[in-house]
Amino acid sequence: MRPKHLAIELSRLVAHPQDNVRLEQYATEGDLAAFFVLAVDQLENVSGKTIVDLGSGNGILGIGCAILGAQKIILIEADDEVAKVAEANAAEIGQRYATEIDSITCHIGKDEAPEIDQCDIVIMNPPWGFQTSKADRPLLDYGFSLKPQSLYIIHSAKSTHLAKIGRSFGYDHEIVFESNFRLPAKYSFQTKKMSETNVMCWRFYLPGDDKLSEYTQ
């Protein structure tokens, strides 16, 4: 699927309401989501894979992988109302694509985390910890604890802690891309109608499974 067509498909999903500043809710736009999942597919070939989307919001990243042929998607979201949006989006996509999509409401770090027997890839755009320090840590720890083949994480380009956490779980890392993340004015502390921040997409992998060196040789 072409990036433009995938971006349009994802942009048609019911949008993330972005109502909870405590959870640092910022929606991933269709263009960036499409670029992200196409990068995951290029490096991993998502067809037939089981993918866990942590802090899934309206499900845009996981659903993008579903459209590209993933066998099973597990969406995990902390906010009840946002999880309902993800469920609605998953139900609509499930009518058109042959993928199993499960939606779980769970606040990782506060609720008992779901047991997942098999997971090939973890994807996430976690809270970056700007409002609450280390808000991303429970999701990161849980994601690594699932022992996937790889993890893809969108995070602030200013972050310096991810590599250390990955190493503590036995994972190396590489940077897949750097991009801009648009931040619409949804909260009282924001002074501009629209601002942007730099983000990176990190790929964490087990030693010896680096992918990007194949494209730089």
N, C-alpha and C. Protein backbone atom coordinates (compact mmCIF):
# COMPACT_ATOMS: atom_id res chain seq x y z
N MET A 1 0.84 -1.19 0.00
CA MET A 1 0.00 0.00 0.00
C MET A 1 0.88 1.25 0.00
N ARG A 2 0.53 2.22 -0.82
CA ARG A 2 1.30 3.46 -0.89
C ARG A 2 1.12 4.29 0.39
N PRO A 3 2.16 5.02 0.78
CA PRO A 3 2.07 5.82 2.01
C PRO A 3 0.87 6.77 2.02
N LYS A 4 0.59 7.41 0.88
CA LYS A 4 -0.52 8.36 0.82
C LYS A 4 -1.84 7.67 1.09
N HIS A 5 -2.03 6.49 0.49
CA HIS A 5 -3.29 5.78 0.66
C HIS A 5 -3.46 5.29 2.11
N LEU A 6 -2.36 4.82 2.70
CA LEU A 6 -2.42 4.37 4.09
C LEU A 6 -2.70 5.54 5.02
N ALA A 7 -2.06 6.69 4.77
CA ALA A 7 -2.28 7.87 5.60
C ALA A 7 -3.74 8.31 5.54
N ILE A 8 -4.34 8.25 4.35
CA ILE A 8 -5.75 8.62 4.21
C ILE A 8 -6.63 7.66 4.99
N GLU A 9 -6.34 6.36 4.88
CA GLU A 9 -7.11 5.35 5.60
C GLU A 9 -7.05 5.60 7.11
N LEU A 10 -5.85 5.87 7.62
CA LEU A 10 -5.69 6.08 9.05
C LEU A 10 -6.30 7.40 9.51
N SER A 11 -6.28 8.39 8.66
CA SER A 11 -6.86 9.68 9.01
C SER A 11 -8.37 9.62 9.11
N ARG A 12 -8.98 8.58 8.53
CA ARG A 12 -10.43 8.42 8.58
C ARG A 12 -10.91 7.77 9.87
N LEU A 13 -9.99 7.27 10.67
CA LEU A 13 -10.38 6.67 11.95
C LEU A 13 -11.01 7.72 12.86
N VAL A 14 -11.88 7.28 13.76
CA VAL A 14 -12.40 8.20 14.78
C VAL A 14 -11.22 8.72 15.58
N ALA A 15 -11.14 10.03 15.72
CA ALA A 15 -9.95 10.66 16.29
C ALA A 15 -9.83 10.43 17.79
N HIS A 16 -8.60 10.50 18.25
CA HIS A 16 -8.31 10.48 19.69
C HIS A 16 -8.85 11.76 20.30
N PRO A 17 -9.66 11.70 21.37
CA PRO A 17 -10.22 12.92 21.96
C PRO A 17 -9.20 13.83 22.63
N GLN A 18 -8.09 13.31 23.08
CA GLN A 18 -7.02 14.11 23.70
C GLN A 18 -7.55 14.99 24.83
N ASP A 19 -8.16 14.38 25.82
CA ASP A 19 -8.79 15.14 26.90
C ASP A 19 -8.02 15.11 28.22
N ASN A 20 -7.06 14.20 28.37
CA ASN A 20 -6.44 13.98 29.68
C ASN A 20 -4.98 14.41 29.67
N VAL A 21 -4.70 15.59 30.20
CA VAL A 21 -3.33 16.08 30.20
C VAL A 21 -2.45 15.24 31.11
N ARG A 22 -3.05 14.67 32.16
CA ARG A 22 -2.27 13.84 33.09
C ARG A 22 -1.66 12.64 32.39
N LEU A 23 -2.39 12.11 31.41
CA LEU A 23 -1.89 10.97 30.64
C LEU A 23 -1.11 11.41 29.40
N GLU A 24 -0.90 12.73 29.27
CA GLU A 24 -0.15 13.29 28.13
C GLU A 24 -0.70 12.77 26.81
N GLN A 25 -2.00 13.00 26.61
CA GLN A 25 -2.65 12.48 25.42
C GLN A 25 -2.46 13.42 24.24
N TYR A 26 -1.67 12.98 23.29
CA TYR A 26 -1.48 13.69 22.03
C TYR A 26 -1.63 12.67 20.91
N ALA A 27 -2.49 12.97 19.94
CA ALA A 27 -2.76 12.02 18.87
C ALA A 27 -1.63 11.98 17.85
N THR A 28 -1.35 10.77 17.35
CA THR A 28 -0.42 10.60 16.25
C THR A 28 -1.19 10.82 14.95
N GLU A 29 -0.75 11.77 14.14
CA GLU A 29 -1.46 12.08 12.91
C GLU A 29 -1.29 10.98 11.87
N GLY A 30 -2.21 10.95 10.91
CA GLY A 30 -2.22 9.89 9.91
C GLY A 30 -0.94 9.77 9.11
N ASP A 31 -0.36 10.90 8.71
CA ASP A 31 0.87 10.86 7.90
C ASP A 31 2.01 10.22 8.67
N LEU A 32 2.20 10.65 9.93
CA LEU A 32 3.29 10.10 10.73
C LEU A 32 3.01 8.64 11.07
N ALA A 33 1.77 8.31 11.39
CA ALA A 33 1.42 6.92 11.70
C ALA A 33 1.70 6.02 10.51
N ALA A 34 1.33 6.47 9.31
CA ALA A 34 1.58 5.68 8.11
C ALA A 34 3.07 5.49 7.88
N PHE A 35 3.84 6.55 8.04
CA PHE A 35 5.29 6.46 7.87
C PHE A 35 5.89 5.47 8.87
N PHE A 36 5.38 5.52 10.10
CA PHE A 36 5.87 4.64 11.16
C PHE A 36 5.59 3.17 10.84
N VAL A 37 4.34 2.84 10.54
CA VAL A 37 4.00 1.43 10.34
C VAL A 37 4.61 0.88 9.06
N LEU A 38 4.77 1.71 8.04
CA LEU A 38 5.45 1.26 6.83
C LEU A 38 6.92 0.98 7.10
N ALA A 39 7.53 1.77 7.99
CA ALA A 39 8.92 1.51 8.37
C ALA A 39 9.03 0.19 9.12
N VAL A 40 8.09 -0.06 10.04
CA VAL A 40 8.06 -1.33 10.77
C VAL A 40 7.91 -2.49 9.78
N ASP A 41 7.01 -2.32 8.83
CA ASP A 41 6.77 -3.39 7.85
C ASP A 41 8.00 -3.64 6.98
N GLN A 42 8.67 -2.60 6.58
CA GLN A 42 9.85 -2.74 5.74
C GLN A 42 10.95 -3.51 6.46
N LEU A 43 11.10 -3.27 7.75
CA LEU A 43 12.18 -3.90 8.50
C LEU A 43 11.80 -5.26 9.07
N GLU A 44 10.52 -5.49 9.32
CA GLU A 44 10.10 -6.72 10.01
C GLU A 44 9.21 -7.64 9.17
N ASN A 45 8.52 -7.07 8.17
CA ASN A 45 7.47 -7.78 7.43
C ASN A 45 6.39 -8.23 8.42
N VAL A 46 5.42 -7.36 8.65
CA VAL A 46 4.42 -7.60 9.70
C VAL A 46 3.42 -8.70 9.35
N SER A 47 3.39 -9.13 8.10
CA SER A 47 2.43 -10.15 7.69
C SER A 47 2.53 -11.39 8.56
N GLY A 48 1.40 -11.78 9.16
CA GLY A 48 1.36 -12.97 10.00
C GLY A 48 1.86 -12.78 11.41
N LYS A 49 2.27 -11.57 11.77
CA LYS A 49 2.86 -11.32 13.09
C LYS A 49 1.79 -10.93 14.12
N THR A 50 2.12 -11.15 15.39
CA THR A 50 1.31 -10.66 16.51
C THR A 50 1.99 -9.42 17.06
N ILE A 51 1.23 -8.33 17.12
CA ILE A 51 1.80 -7.03 17.49
C ILE A 51 1.01 -6.44 18.65
N VAL A 52 1.72 -5.98 19.67
CA VAL A 52 1.11 -5.32 20.83
C VAL A 52 1.37 -3.82 20.73
N ASP A 53 0.29 -3.04 20.76
CA ASP A 53 0.36 -1.58 20.71
C ASP A 53 0.05 -1.05 22.10
N LEU A 54 1.09 -0.55 22.79
CA LEU A 54 0.95 -0.07 24.16
C LEU A 54 0.63 1.43 24.19
N GLY A 55 -0.32 1.80 25.06
CA GLY A 55 -0.76 3.18 25.08
C GLY A 55 -1.35 3.53 23.73
N SER A 56 -2.26 2.66 23.26
CA SER A 56 -2.65 2.66 21.86
C SER A 56 -3.51 3.83 21.42
N GLY A 57 -4.05 4.60 22.38
CA GLY A 57 -4.91 5.71 21.99
C GLY A 57 -6.09 5.21 21.18
N ASN A 58 -6.36 5.84 20.04
CA ASN A 58 -7.47 5.41 19.19
C ASN A 58 -7.12 4.21 18.33
N GLY A 59 -5.92 3.66 18.53
CA GLY A 59 -5.52 2.44 17.84
C GLY A 59 -4.80 2.65 16.54
N ILE A 60 -4.42 3.87 16.23
CA ILE A 60 -3.95 4.21 14.89
C ILE A 60 -2.70 3.42 14.47
N LEU A 61 -1.75 3.20 15.38
CA LEU A 61 -0.52 2.49 15.00
C LEU A 61 -0.81 1.00 14.81
N GLY A 62 -1.49 0.41 15.77
CA GLY A 62 -1.81 -1.01 15.66
C GLY A 62 -2.70 -1.30 14.46
N ILE A 63 -3.68 -0.44 14.24
CA ILE A 63 -4.58 -0.63 13.10
C ILE A 63 -3.83 -0.49 11.78
N GLY A 64 -2.85 0.41 11.75
CA GLY A 64 -2.02 0.53 10.56
C GLY A 64 -1.31 -0.78 10.25
N CYS A 65 -0.80 -1.43 11.29
CA CYS A 65 -0.15 -2.73 11.10
C CYS A 65 -1.16 -3.79 10.66
N ALA A 66 -2.39 -3.69 11.16
CA ALA A 66 -3.44 -4.63 10.75
C ALA A 66 -3.73 -4.49 9.26
N ILE A 67 -3.81 -3.26 8.78
CA ILE A 67 -4.07 -3.01 7.37
C ILE A 67 -2.96 -3.60 6.50
N LEU A 68 -1.74 -3.59 7.03
CA LEU A 68 -0.60 -4.11 6.27
C LEU A 68 -0.45 -5.62 6.38
N GLY A 69 -1.35 -6.29 7.12
CA GLY A 69 -1.37 -7.74 7.08
C GLY A 69 -0.97 -8.46 8.34
N ALA A 70 -0.79 -7.75 9.46
CA ALA A 70 -0.48 -8.43 10.71
C ALA A 70 -1.61 -9.40 11.06
N GLN A 71 -1.25 -10.54 11.63
CA GLN A 71 -2.26 -11.56 11.94
C GLN A 71 -3.11 -11.18 13.14
N LYS A 72 -2.48 -10.60 14.18
CA LYS A 72 -3.21 -10.24 15.39
C LYS A 72 -2.63 -8.96 15.97
N ILE A 73 -3.53 -8.08 16.37
CA ILE A 73 -3.15 -6.82 17.02
C ILE A 73 -3.79 -6.78 18.40
N ILE A 74 -3.01 -6.43 19.41
CA ILE A 74 -3.52 -6.25 20.77
C ILE A 74 -3.32 -4.78 21.15
N LEU A 75 -4.42 -4.06 21.29
CA LEU A 75 -4.39 -2.65 21.68
C LEU A 75 -4.57 -2.55 23.18
N ILE A 76 -3.66 -1.87 23.86
CA ILE A 76 -3.76 -1.68 25.31
C ILE A 76 -3.76 -0.19 25.62
N GLU A 77 -4.85 0.28 26.22
CA GLU A 77 -5.04 1.70 26.48
C GLU A 77 -5.54 1.91 27.91
N ALA A 78 -5.04 2.95 28.58
CA ALA A 78 -5.38 3.21 29.98
C ALA A 78 -6.73 3.89 30.16
N ASP A 79 -7.09 4.78 29.24
CA ASP A 79 -8.28 5.61 29.38
C ASP A 79 -9.51 4.88 28.84
N ASP A 80 -10.53 4.72 29.68
CA ASP A 80 -11.74 3.98 29.30
C ASP A 80 -12.39 4.56 28.05
N GLU A 81 -12.55 5.88 28.01
CA GLU A 81 -13.25 6.50 26.89
C GLU A 81 -12.44 6.37 25.60
N VAL A 82 -11.14 6.52 25.70
CA VAL A 82 -10.29 6.39 24.52
C VAL A 82 -10.28 4.95 24.04
N ALA A 83 -10.29 4.00 24.99
CA ALA A 83 -10.33 2.58 24.62
C ALA A 83 -11.59 2.26 23.83
N LYS A 84 -12.71 2.92 24.16
CA LYS A 84 -13.95 2.71 23.41
C LYS A 84 -13.81 3.20 21.97
N VAL A 85 -13.08 4.29 21.79
CA VAL A 85 -12.80 4.79 20.44
C VAL A 85 -11.97 3.77 19.68
N ALA A 86 -10.95 3.22 20.34
CA ALA A 86 -10.11 2.20 19.70
C ALA A 86 -10.93 0.98 19.31
N GLU A 87 -11.84 0.56 20.18
CA GLU A 87 -12.69 -0.60 19.89
C GLU A 87 -13.56 -0.34 18.67
N ALA A 88 -14.12 0.87 18.58
CA ALA A 88 -14.96 1.21 17.43
C ALA A 88 -14.16 1.21 16.14
N ASN A 89 -12.96 1.77 16.20
CA ASN A 89 -12.09 1.78 15.02
C ASN A 89 -11.69 0.37 14.62
N ALA A 90 -11.37 -0.45 15.61
CA ALA A 90 -10.97 -1.83 15.33
C ALA A 90 -12.12 -2.62 14.70
N ALA A 91 -13.34 -2.39 15.19
CA ALA A 91 -14.49 -3.10 14.65
C ALA A 91 -14.73 -2.73 13.19
N GLU A 92 -14.55 -1.46 12.87
CA GLU A 92 -14.76 -1.01 11.49
C GLU A 92 -13.69 -1.58 10.56
N ILE A 93 -12.45 -1.54 10.99
CA ILE A 93 -11.35 -2.06 10.18
C ILE A 93 -11.47 -3.58 10.05
N GLY A 94 -11.92 -4.24 11.10
CA GLY A 94 -12.05 -5.69 11.09
C GLY A 94 -13.04 -6.19 10.06
N GLN A 95 -13.95 -5.34 9.62
CA GLN A 95 -14.91 -5.73 8.60
C GLN A 95 -14.29 -5.74 7.21
N ARG A 96 -13.15 -5.07 7.07
CA ARG A 96 -12.55 -4.93 5.74
C ARG A 96 -11.19 -5.60 5.59
N TYR A 97 -10.57 -5.95 6.72
CA TYR A 97 -9.25 -6.57 6.67
C TYR A 97 -9.25 -7.83 7.54
N ALA A 98 -8.59 -8.87 7.05
CA ALA A 98 -8.61 -10.18 7.74
C ALA A 98 -7.57 -10.20 8.85
N THR A 99 -7.84 -9.46 9.90
CA THR A 99 -6.94 -9.38 11.04
C THR A 99 -7.75 -9.44 12.33
N GLU A 100 -7.23 -10.15 13.33
CA GLU A 100 -7.85 -10.16 14.66
C GLU A 100 -7.32 -8.99 15.46
N ILE A 101 -8.21 -8.16 15.96
CA ILE A 101 -7.81 -7.01 16.77
C ILE A 101 -8.51 -7.09 18.12
N ASP A 102 -7.73 -7.21 19.19
CA ASP A 102 -8.26 -7.22 20.55
C ASP A 102 -7.94 -5.88 21.21
N SER A 103 -8.88 -5.36 21.96
CA SER A 103 -8.69 -4.10 22.68
C SER A 103 -8.81 -4.35 24.18
N ILE A 104 -7.80 -3.94 24.93
CA ILE A 104 -7.75 -4.16 26.38
C ILE A 104 -7.63 -2.80 27.07
N THR A 105 -8.50 -2.56 28.05
CA THR A 105 -8.39 -1.35 28.86
C THR A 105 -7.59 -1.68 30.10
N CYS A 106 -6.42 -1.09 30.22
CA CYS A 106 -5.54 -1.38 31.36
C CYS A 106 -4.55 -0.24 31.52
N HIS A 107 -4.45 0.30 32.72
CA HIS A 107 -3.46 1.33 33.03
C HIS A 107 -2.19 0.61 33.51
N ILE A 108 -1.28 0.39 32.57
CA ILE A 108 -0.04 -0.31 32.91
C ILE A 108 0.71 0.45 34.00
N GLY A 109 1.10 -0.25 35.04
CA GLY A 109 1.77 0.39 36.17
C GLY A 109 0.86 0.59 37.36
N LYS A 110 -0.47 0.60 37.10
CA LYS A 110 -1.45 0.72 38.19
C LYS A 110 -2.35 -0.51 38.25
N ASP A 111 -2.84 -0.95 37.10
CA ASP A 111 -3.66 -2.16 37.06
C ASP A 111 -2.77 -3.38 36.85
N GLU A 112 -3.34 -4.54 37.10
CA GLU A 112 -2.61 -5.77 36.81
C GLU A 112 -2.44 -5.90 35.30
N ALA A 113 -1.22 -6.03 34.87
CA ALA A 113 -0.93 -6.06 33.44
C ALA A 113 -1.42 -7.37 32.82
N PRO A 114 -1.93 -7.31 31.60
CA PRO A 114 -2.43 -8.53 30.97
C PRO A 114 -1.29 -9.50 30.64
N GLU A 115 -1.60 -10.79 30.74
CA GLU A 115 -0.63 -11.82 30.36
C GLU A 115 -0.79 -12.10 28.87
N ILE A 116 0.30 -11.97 28.16
CA ILE A 116 0.29 -12.19 26.72
C ILE A 116 1.31 -13.28 26.42
N ASP A 117 0.83 -14.38 25.89
CA ASP A 117 1.69 -15.55 25.70
C ASP A 117 2.66 -15.38 24.54
N GLN A 118 2.22 -14.73 23.48
CA GLN A 118 3.06 -14.64 22.30
C GLN A 118 3.00 -13.24 21.72
N CYS A 119 4.16 -12.67 21.46
CA CYS A 119 4.25 -11.31 20.94
C CYS A 119 5.49 -11.21 20.07
N ASP A 120 5.32 -10.86 18.82
CA ASP A 120 6.46 -10.70 17.91
C ASP A 120 7.05 -9.30 17.97
N ILE A 121 6.17 -8.30 18.00
CA ILE A 121 6.61 -6.91 17.93
C ILE A 121 5.79 -6.08 18.91
N VAL A 122 6.45 -5.17 19.62
CA VAL A 122 5.77 -4.17 20.44
C VAL A 122 5.95 -2.81 19.78
N ILE A 123 4.86 -2.05 19.68
CA ILE A 123 4.94 -0.69 19.18
C ILE A 123 4.32 0.23 20.21
N MET A 124 4.81 1.46 20.27
CA MET A 124 4.22 2.40 21.24
C MET A 124 4.63 3.83 20.99
N ASN A 125 3.73 4.73 21.33
CA ASN A 125 4.02 6.15 21.46
C ASN A 125 3.62 6.49 22.89
N PRO A 126 4.50 6.26 23.86
CA PRO A 126 4.14 6.41 25.27
C PRO A 126 4.12 7.87 25.70
N PRO A 127 3.56 8.18 26.87
CA PRO A 127 3.73 9.53 27.42
C PRO A 127 5.22 9.78 27.61
N TRP A 128 5.65 10.98 27.29
CA TRP A 128 7.09 11.27 27.30
C TRP A 128 7.60 11.74 28.64
N GLY A 129 6.71 11.92 29.60
CA GLY A 129 7.15 12.32 30.94
C GLY A 129 7.32 13.80 31.13
N PHE A 130 6.74 14.61 30.24
CA PHE A 130 6.85 16.06 30.38
C PHE A 130 5.97 16.58 31.51
N GLN A 131 4.82 15.94 31.73
CA GLN A 131 3.91 16.36 32.80
C GLN A 131 4.17 15.58 34.08
N THR A 132 4.45 14.30 33.96
CA THR A 132 4.75 13.45 35.10
C THR A 132 6.05 12.72 34.83
N SER A 133 7.04 12.96 35.66
CA SER A 133 8.34 12.34 35.45
C SER A 133 8.25 10.81 35.40
N LYS A 134 8.93 10.24 34.44
CA LYS A 134 9.01 8.78 34.26
C LYS A 134 7.65 8.14 33.97
N ALA A 135 6.73 8.92 33.40
CA ALA A 135 5.41 8.37 33.08
C ALA A 135 5.50 7.26 32.05
N ASP A 136 6.57 7.26 31.25
CA ASP A 136 6.73 6.23 30.22
C ASP A 136 7.29 4.92 30.77
N ARG A 137 7.88 4.95 31.96
CA ARG A 137 8.62 3.78 32.44
C ARG A 137 7.77 2.50 32.58
N PRO A 138 6.55 2.57 33.13
CA PRO A 138 5.77 1.32 33.22
C PRO A 138 5.52 0.68 31.87
N LEU A 139 5.23 1.48 30.84
CA LEU A 139 4.97 0.93 29.52
C LEU A 139 6.25 0.35 28.92
N LEU A 140 7.37 1.05 29.12
CA LEU A 140 8.64 0.54 28.60
C LEU A 140 9.00 -0.78 29.27
N ASP A 141 8.90 -0.83 30.59
CA ASP A 141 9.24 -2.06 31.31
C ASP A 141 8.34 -3.21 30.87
N TYR A 142 7.05 -2.94 30.76
CA TYR A 142 6.13 -3.99 30.36
C TYR A 142 6.40 -4.45 28.93
N GLY A 143 6.64 -3.49 28.04
CA GLY A 143 6.92 -3.85 26.66
C GLY A 143 8.12 -4.75 26.52
N PHE A 144 9.20 -4.41 27.20
CA PHE A 144 10.41 -5.25 27.15
C PHE A 144 10.16 -6.61 27.82
N SER A 145 9.34 -6.62 28.87
CA SER A 145 9.10 -7.87 29.60
C SER A 145 8.36 -8.90 28.75
N LEU A 146 7.68 -8.46 27.68
CA LEU A 146 6.98 -9.38 26.79
C LEU A 146 7.95 -10.16 25.91
N LYS A 147 9.22 -9.74 25.91
CA LYS A 147 10.29 -10.41 25.16
C LYS A 147 9.98 -10.56 23.68
N PRO A 148 9.62 -9.45 23.04
CA PRO A 148 9.34 -9.51 21.61
C PRO A 148 10.65 -9.60 20.82
N GLN A 149 10.51 -9.89 19.53
CA GLN A 149 11.68 -9.87 18.67
C GLN A 149 12.22 -8.45 18.53
N SER A 150 11.31 -7.48 18.54
CA SER A 150 11.72 -6.08 18.41
C SER A 150 10.66 -5.17 19.00
N LEU A 151 11.08 -3.97 19.37
CA LEU A 151 10.18 -2.93 19.87
C LEU A 151 10.44 -1.66 19.07
N TYR A 152 9.35 -0.98 18.70
CA TYR A 152 9.44 0.30 18.00
C TYR A 152 8.77 1.35 18.87
N ILE A 153 9.52 2.41 19.18
CA ILE A 153 9.05 3.40 20.14
C ILE A 153 9.20 4.80 19.54
N ILE A 154 8.09 5.55 19.47
CA ILE A 154 8.15 6.97 19.14
C ILE A 154 8.34 7.73 20.44
N HIS A 155 9.36 8.56 20.49
CA HIS A 155 9.64 9.29 21.72
C HIS A 155 10.29 10.62 21.38
N SER A 156 10.27 11.52 22.33
CA SER A 156 10.91 12.82 22.15
C SER A 156 12.38 12.64 21.75
N ALA A 157 12.82 13.44 20.80
CA ALA A 157 14.21 13.38 20.36
C ALA A 157 15.17 13.80 21.46
N LYS A 158 14.65 14.45 22.50
CA LYS A 158 15.48 14.88 23.62
C LYS A 158 15.72 13.77 24.65
N SER A 159 15.03 12.66 24.49
CA SER A 159 15.13 11.59 25.48
C SER A 159 16.53 10.97 25.48
N THR A 160 17.04 10.69 26.67
CA THR A 160 18.37 10.10 26.79
C THR A 160 18.37 8.79 27.58
N HIS A 161 17.20 8.33 28.02
CA HIS A 161 17.14 7.19 28.93
C HIS A 161 16.76 5.87 28.27
N LEU A 162 16.29 5.92 27.04
CA LEU A 162 15.76 4.71 26.42
C LEU A 162 16.81 3.63 26.20
N ALA A 163 17.98 4.04 25.73
CA ALA A 163 19.03 3.05 25.44
C ALA A 163 19.42 2.27 26.69
N LYS A 164 19.53 2.97 27.81
CA LYS A 164 19.91 2.31 29.06
C LYS A 164 18.86 1.30 29.50
N ILE A 165 17.58 1.68 29.37
CA ILE A 165 16.51 0.75 29.74
C ILE A 165 16.53 -0.47 28.82
N GLY A 166 16.71 -0.23 27.53
CA GLY A 166 16.77 -1.34 26.60
C GLY A 166 17.90 -2.31 26.94
N ARG A 167 19.07 -1.77 27.24
CA ARG A 167 20.23 -2.62 27.57
C ARG A 167 19.95 -3.45 28.81
N SER A 168 19.22 -2.87 29.77
CA SER A 168 18.95 -3.61 31.01
C SER A 168 18.08 -4.85 30.76
N PHE A 169 17.35 -4.84 29.63
CA PHE A 169 16.54 -6.00 29.25
C PHE A 169 17.22 -6.85 28.18
N GLY A 170 18.44 -6.49 27.81
CA GLY A 170 19.19 -7.28 26.84
C GLY A 170 18.98 -6.89 25.40
N TYR A 171 18.52 -5.67 25.14
CA TYR A 171 18.24 -5.21 23.78
C TYR A 171 19.24 -4.13 23.35
N ASP A 172 19.68 -4.21 22.10
CA ASP A 172 20.41 -3.12 21.46
C ASP A 172 19.40 -2.22 20.75
N HIS A 173 19.88 -1.11 20.17
CA HIS A 173 18.94 -0.20 19.52
C HIS A 173 19.55 0.45 18.29
N GLU A 174 18.66 0.95 17.45
CA GLU A 174 19.04 1.77 16.30
C GLU A 174 17.92 2.78 16.05
N ILE A 175 18.26 3.91 15.47
CA ILE A 175 17.28 4.96 15.19
C ILE A 175 16.77 4.76 13.77
N VAL A 176 15.46 4.57 13.64
CA VAL A 176 14.86 4.30 12.34
C VAL A 176 14.64 5.60 11.57
N PHE A 177 14.09 6.61 12.23
CA PHE A 177 13.91 7.91 11.57
C PHE A 177 13.71 8.99 12.63
N GLU A 178 13.82 10.22 12.20
CA GLU A 178 13.51 11.39 13.02
C GLU A 178 12.47 12.21 12.27
N SER A 179 11.51 12.77 13.00
CA SER A 179 10.43 13.51 12.35
C SER A 179 9.91 14.58 13.29
N ASN A 180 8.92 15.32 12.81
CA ASN A 180 8.22 16.30 13.62
C ASN A 180 6.89 15.74 14.09
N PHE A 181 6.52 16.06 15.30
CA PHE A 181 5.25 15.63 15.88
C PHE A 181 4.45 16.89 16.17
N ARG A 182 3.30 17.01 15.53
CA ARG A 182 2.46 18.19 15.69
C ARG A 182 1.64 18.11 16.98
N LEU A 183 1.59 19.22 17.71
CA LEU A 183 0.90 19.28 18.99
C LEU A 183 -0.18 20.35 18.94
N PRO A 184 -1.42 19.97 18.64
CA PRO A 184 -2.51 20.96 18.64
C PRO A 184 -2.77 21.46 20.06
N ALA A 185 -3.28 22.68 20.15
CA ALA A 185 -3.54 23.29 21.46
C ALA A 185 -4.80 22.67 22.06
N LYS A 186 -4.62 21.68 22.93
CA LYS A 186 -5.74 21.02 23.58
C LYS A 186 -5.81 21.32 25.08
N TYR A 187 -4.73 21.87 25.63
CA TYR A 187 -4.66 22.06 27.07
C TYR A 187 -4.36 23.51 27.40
N SER A 188 -4.71 23.93 28.61
CA SER A 188 -4.66 25.35 28.99
C SER A 188 -3.24 25.90 29.00
N PHE A 189 -2.23 25.07 29.23
CA PHE A 189 -0.86 25.57 29.32
C PHE A 189 -0.25 25.83 27.94
N GLN A 190 -0.91 25.38 26.87
CA GLN A 190 -0.38 25.59 25.53
C GLN A 190 -0.79 26.97 25.03
N THR A 191 0.19 27.75 24.56
CA THR A 191 -0.05 29.14 24.16
C THR A 191 -0.23 29.30 22.66
N LYS A 192 0.16 28.27 21.87
CA LYS A 192 0.03 28.35 20.42
C LYS A 192 -1.07 27.39 19.95
N LYS A 193 -1.75 27.79 18.85
CA LYS A 193 -2.78 26.93 18.28
C LYS A 193 -2.20 25.60 17.82
N MET A 194 -0.97 25.64 17.31
CA MET A 194 -0.30 24.44 16.84
C MET A 194 1.20 24.61 17.02
N SER A 195 1.83 23.63 17.60
CA SER A 195 3.29 23.64 17.73
C SER A 195 3.82 22.29 17.29
N GLU A 196 5.13 22.18 17.22
CA GLU A 196 5.76 20.93 16.81
C GLU A 196 6.92 20.61 17.73
N THR A 197 7.23 19.33 17.84
CA THR A 197 8.41 18.90 18.58
C THR A 197 9.07 17.78 17.79
N ASN A 198 10.37 17.65 17.96
CA ASN A 198 11.11 16.61 17.24
C ASN A 198 10.96 15.27 17.97
N VAL A 199 10.74 14.22 17.19
CA VAL A 199 10.64 12.88 17.75
C VAL A 199 11.57 11.94 16.98
N MET A 200 11.90 10.85 17.61
CA MET A 200 12.65 9.79 16.97
C MET A 200 11.87 8.49 17.07
N CYS A 201 12.06 7.62 16.10
CA CYS A 201 11.55 6.26 16.16
C CYS A 201 12.73 5.35 16.49
N TRP A 202 12.67 4.74 17.65
CA TRP A 202 13.71 3.83 18.10
C TRP A 202 13.30 2.39 17.78
N ARG A 203 14.24 1.60 17.29
CA ARG A 203 14.03 0.16 17.14
C ARG A 203 14.94 -0.56 18.12
N PHE A 204 14.36 -1.34 19.02
CA PHE A 204 15.13 -2.16 19.95
C PHE A 204 15.07 -3.60 19.47
N TYR A 205 16.22 -4.25 19.49
CA TYR A 205 16.31 -5.60 18.93
C TYR A 205 17.29 -6.44 19.73
N LEU A 206 17.15 -7.74 19.61
CA LEU A 206 18.07 -8.65 20.29
C LEU A 206 19.42 -8.62 19.58
N PRO A 207 20.53 -8.78 20.31
CA PRO A 207 21.86 -8.69 19.71
C PRO A 207 22.00 -9.54 18.45
N GLY A 208 22.54 -8.91 17.41
CA GLY A 208 22.75 -9.61 16.14
C GLY A 208 21.62 -9.44 15.15
N ASP A 209 20.55 -8.77 15.54
CA ASP A 209 19.39 -8.62 14.66
C ASP A 209 19.22 -7.18 14.20
N ASP A 210 20.32 -6.46 14.06
CA ASP A 210 20.21 -5.11 13.53
C ASP A 210 19.77 -5.16 12.08
N LYS A 211 19.01 -4.15 11.66
CA LYS A 211 18.45 -4.11 10.32
C LYS A 211 19.01 -2.96 9.48
N LEU A 212 19.26 -1.84 10.10
CA LEU A 212 19.58 -0.65 9.33
C LEU A 212 20.97 -0.72 8.70
N SER A 213 21.86 -1.53 9.25
CA SER A 213 23.20 -1.67 8.65
C SER A 213 23.10 -2.24 7.24
N GLU A 214 22.01 -2.98 6.97
CA GLU A 214 21.82 -3.55 5.65
C GLU A 214 21.62 -2.46 4.60
N TYR A 215 21.11 -1.30 5.05
CA TYR A 215 20.81 -0.22 4.11
C TYR A 215 21.93 0.81 4.03
N THR A 216 22.94 0.67 4.87
CA THR A 216 24.03 1.66 4.89
C THR A 216 25.35 1.08 4.38
N GLN A 217 25.38 -0.20 4.06
CA GLN A 217 26.62 -0.81 3.58
C GLN A 217 26.86 -0.42 2.12
